[in-house]
Amino acid sequence: VDLYISKKDNGNWSTPSLLSLSDSLAWDGSPTFSADGKTLYFASNRRGGKGGLDLYRANIDNSGRVGRAINLGSVINTPGDEIFPFVSEDGKLYFSSNGHPGLGGLDIFVATRDGNTIEVESLGNTINSISDDFGLIMSDENKGYFASNRAGGKGDDDIYYFVGKGN
């Protein structure tokens, strides 16, 4: 899996082009942009990571060029998998992990930065379950959606809506 980009101009999408930071020997996926569009976040199992899938970021310059991939480090990345990043408008990084202590399977976490300190917290059992919980997207500061394969759903992975969050 590689990362491609397509740009919309006058209502038309450009032909997708491979991002230069893609690693053809790795799985690069679940991309998302920061609210200001200046940073790309994604998951990858490329060489030099901390575990299975790690989260990376790459800066985007004013002309739209994407810089090199930078691993988000061992506070966020574990020997397990970190995947499905989402950055809220207030700069919080939400992601799913099976490497941080949680309730089971993939759980959803939030990373916040205070100066040079990054703190990772589980969204707790108000969002997470013993099953896989992943792909959180905030529609505003207090509402959003996520996917889960928890018991009681309509299929394998279902989409859930929430109001209020664990933090």
Protein backbone atom coordinates (compact mmCIF):
# COMPACT_ATOMS: atom_id res chain seq x y z
CA VAL A 1 0.00 0.00 0.00
CA ASP A 2 1.40 3.39 -1.02
CA LEU A 3 0.27 6.98 -0.51
CA TYR A 4 -1.00 9.01 -3.46
CA ILE A 5 -2.37 12.54 -3.67
CA SER A 6 -4.91 14.14 -5.97
CA LYS A 7 -5.79 17.83 -5.95
CA LYS A 8 -9.11 19.43 -6.78
CA ASP A 9 -8.94 22.42 -9.11
CA ASN A 10 -12.05 24.10 -10.56
CA GLY A 11 -14.18 21.12 -9.53
CA ASN A 12 -11.93 18.55 -11.20
CA TRP A 13 -9.59 16.09 -9.52
CA SER A 14 -6.05 15.71 -10.84
CA THR A 15 -4.61 12.32 -11.72
CA PRO A 16 -3.35 10.75 -8.46
CA SER A 17 0.42 10.92 -8.06
CA LEU A 18 2.62 8.83 -5.78
CA LEU A 19 3.93 10.80 -2.80
CA SER A 20 7.72 10.85 -2.72
CA LEU A 21 7.75 9.72 0.93
CA SER A 22 6.00 6.44 0.08
CA ASP A 23 8.12 3.37 0.77
CA SER A 24 7.44 0.71 -1.87
CA LEU A 25 8.70 -2.00 0.51
CA ALA A 26 6.32 -0.95 3.30
CA TRP A 27 2.60 -0.63 4.02
CA ASP A 28 1.87 3.14 4.12
CA GLY A 29 -1.77 3.88 4.87
CA SER A 30 -4.54 5.58 6.85
CA PRO A 31 -3.43 9.12 5.90
CA THR A 32 -4.92 12.29 7.37
CA PHE A 33 -4.07 15.99 7.25
CA SER A 34 -3.78 18.46 10.11
CA ALA A 35 -6.61 21.02 10.26
CA ASP A 36 -4.39 23.66 8.60
CA GLY A 37 -3.33 21.24 5.83
CA LYS A 38 0.38 21.74 6.60
CA THR A 39 1.10 18.26 8.00
CA LEU A 40 0.35 14.78 6.70
CA TYR A 41 0.02 11.98 9.25
CA PHE A 42 -0.02 8.29 8.32
CA ALA A 43 0.74 4.77 9.56
CA SER A 44 3.55 2.62 8.19
CA ASN A 45 5.50 -0.55 8.89
CA ARG A 46 8.65 0.83 7.21
CA ARG A 47 12.12 -0.10 8.46
CA GLY A 48 13.38 1.76 11.50
CA GLY A 49 10.02 1.89 13.27
CA LYS A 50 9.28 1.09 16.91
CA GLY A 51 6.95 -1.85 16.23
CA GLY A 52 4.44 -3.26 13.75
CA LEU A 53 2.71 -0.14 12.42
CA ASP A 54 3.97 3.25 13.61
CA LEU A 55 2.60 6.75 13.15
CA TYR A 56 4.59 9.24 11.07
CA ARG A 57 4.22 12.85 10.02
CA ALA A 58 5.51 14.86 7.10
CA ASN A 59 5.46 18.62 6.68
CA ILE A 60 3.86 20.15 3.58
CA ASP A 61 5.39 23.37 2.27
CA ASN A 62 3.49 26.32 0.77
CA SER A 63 3.84 24.92 -2.75
CA GLY A 64 2.29 21.60 -1.65
CA ARG A 65 5.49 19.54 -1.61
CA VAL A 66 5.52 16.83 1.04
CA GLY A 67 8.70 16.50 3.10
CA ARG A 68 10.33 13.40 4.56
CA ALA A 69 8.54 10.99 6.90
CA ILE A 70 9.31 11.53 10.60
CA ASN A 71 8.45 8.84 13.16
CA LEU A 72 6.32 10.26 16.00
CA GLY A 73 8.56 8.56 18.59
CA SER A 74 8.30 6.05 21.42
CA VAL A 75 5.80 8.02 23.53
CA ILE A 76 3.18 7.42 20.81
CA ASN A 77 4.57 4.36 18.98
CA THR A 78 4.93 1.00 20.76
CA PRO A 79 6.12 -2.49 19.79
CA GLY A 80 2.46 -3.07 18.77
CA ASP A 81 0.43 -1.30 16.09
CA GLU A 82 -0.55 2.37 15.99
CA ILE A 83 -2.93 3.23 13.16
CA PHE A 84 -5.80 5.49 12.02
CA PRO A 85 -4.47 8.93 13.07
CA PHE A 86 -6.78 11.95 13.19
CA VAL A 87 -5.76 15.47 14.23
CA SER A 88 -8.53 17.64 15.67
CA GLU A 89 -8.76 21.38 15.06
CA ASP A 90 -7.27 21.99 18.53
CA GLY A 91 -4.19 19.93 17.59
CA LYS A 92 -4.92 16.73 19.54
CA LEU A 93 -3.77 13.53 17.84
CA TYR A 94 -6.30 10.70 18.09
CA PHE A 95 -5.19 7.21 17.03
CA SER A 96 -5.84 3.53 17.60
CA SER A 97 -3.33 1.20 19.23
CA ASN A 98 -3.02 -2.34 20.46
CA GLY A 99 0.34 -1.56 22.11
CA HIS A 100 -0.71 0.98 24.75
CA PRO A 101 -2.55 -0.44 27.80
CA GLY A 102 -6.24 -0.60 27.00
CA LEU A 103 -9.41 -2.64 27.23
CA GLY A 104 -8.55 -5.10 24.45
CA GLY A 105 -7.92 -5.23 20.71
CA LEU A 106 -7.41 -1.77 19.19
CA ASP A 107 -8.36 1.06 21.54
CA ILE A 108 -8.59 4.77 20.77
CA PHE A 109 -6.11 7.12 22.42
CA VAL A 110 -5.43 10.85 22.36
CA ALA A 111 -1.99 12.45 22.44
CA THR A 112 -1.66 16.03 23.64
CA ARG A 113 1.42 18.21 23.69
CA ASP A 114 2.32 20.67 26.44
CA GLY A 115 5.59 22.29 25.44
CA ASN A 116 8.07 19.43 24.96
CA THR A 117 5.92 16.91 26.86
CA ILE A 118 3.53 14.56 25.05
CA GLU A 119 0.91 12.72 27.06
CA VAL A 120 -1.03 9.72 25.69
CA GLU A 121 -4.36 8.84 27.28
CA SER A 122 -6.96 6.20 26.55
CA LEU A 123 -10.45 7.50 25.79
CA GLY A 124 -11.57 4.91 28.35
CA ASN A 125 -14.68 2.78 28.37
CA THR A 126 -16.92 5.64 27.25
CA ILE A 127 -15.54 4.98 23.73
CA ASN A 128 -13.39 1.84 23.93
CA SER A 129 -14.56 -1.76 24.36
CA ILE A 130 -12.91 -5.18 24.61
CA SER A 131 -13.16 -5.36 20.80
CA ASP A 132 -11.38 -3.31 18.12
CA ASP A 133 -12.23 0.41 18.25
CA PHE A 134 -10.63 2.56 15.59
CA GLY A 135 -10.86 5.30 12.99
CA LEU A 136 -12.10 8.14 15.22
CA ILE A 137 -13.13 11.32 13.41
CA MET A 138 -14.35 14.41 15.28
CA SER A 139 -17.15 16.38 13.61
CA ASP A 140 -16.70 19.15 16.20
CA GLU A 141 -14.93 19.43 19.55
CA ASN A 142 -17.46 17.21 21.34
CA LYS A 143 -18.98 14.90 18.67
CA GLY A 144 -17.68 12.35 16.26
CA TYR A 145 -17.64 8.89 14.75
CA PHE A 146 -15.55 5.75 15.09
CA ALA A 147 -15.64 2.15 13.90
CA SER A 148 -15.81 -0.98 16.03
CA ASN A 149 -16.41 -4.69 15.74
CA ARG A 150 -17.99 -4.82 19.21
CA ALA A 151 -20.85 -7.17 20.06
CA GLY A 152 -24.33 -5.93 19.20
CA GLY A 153 -23.43 -4.31 15.90
CA LYS A 154 -25.05 -4.86 12.52
CA GLY A 155 -22.04 -6.47 10.84
CA ASP A 156 -18.31 -6.98 11.26
CA ASP A 157 -17.11 -3.36 11.58
CA ASP A 158 -19.84 -0.82 12.31
CA ILE A 159 -19.76 2.97 12.53
CA TYR A 160 -20.76 4.56 15.85
CA TYR A 161 -21.67 8.18 16.64
CA PHE A 162 -20.90 9.77 20.00
CA VAL A 163 -21.52 13.02 21.85
CA GLY A 164 -18.96 13.82 24.52
CA LYS A 165 -15.63 12.06 24.76
CA GLY A 166 -13.42 10.36 27.29
CA ASN A 167 -11.31 13.51 27.92
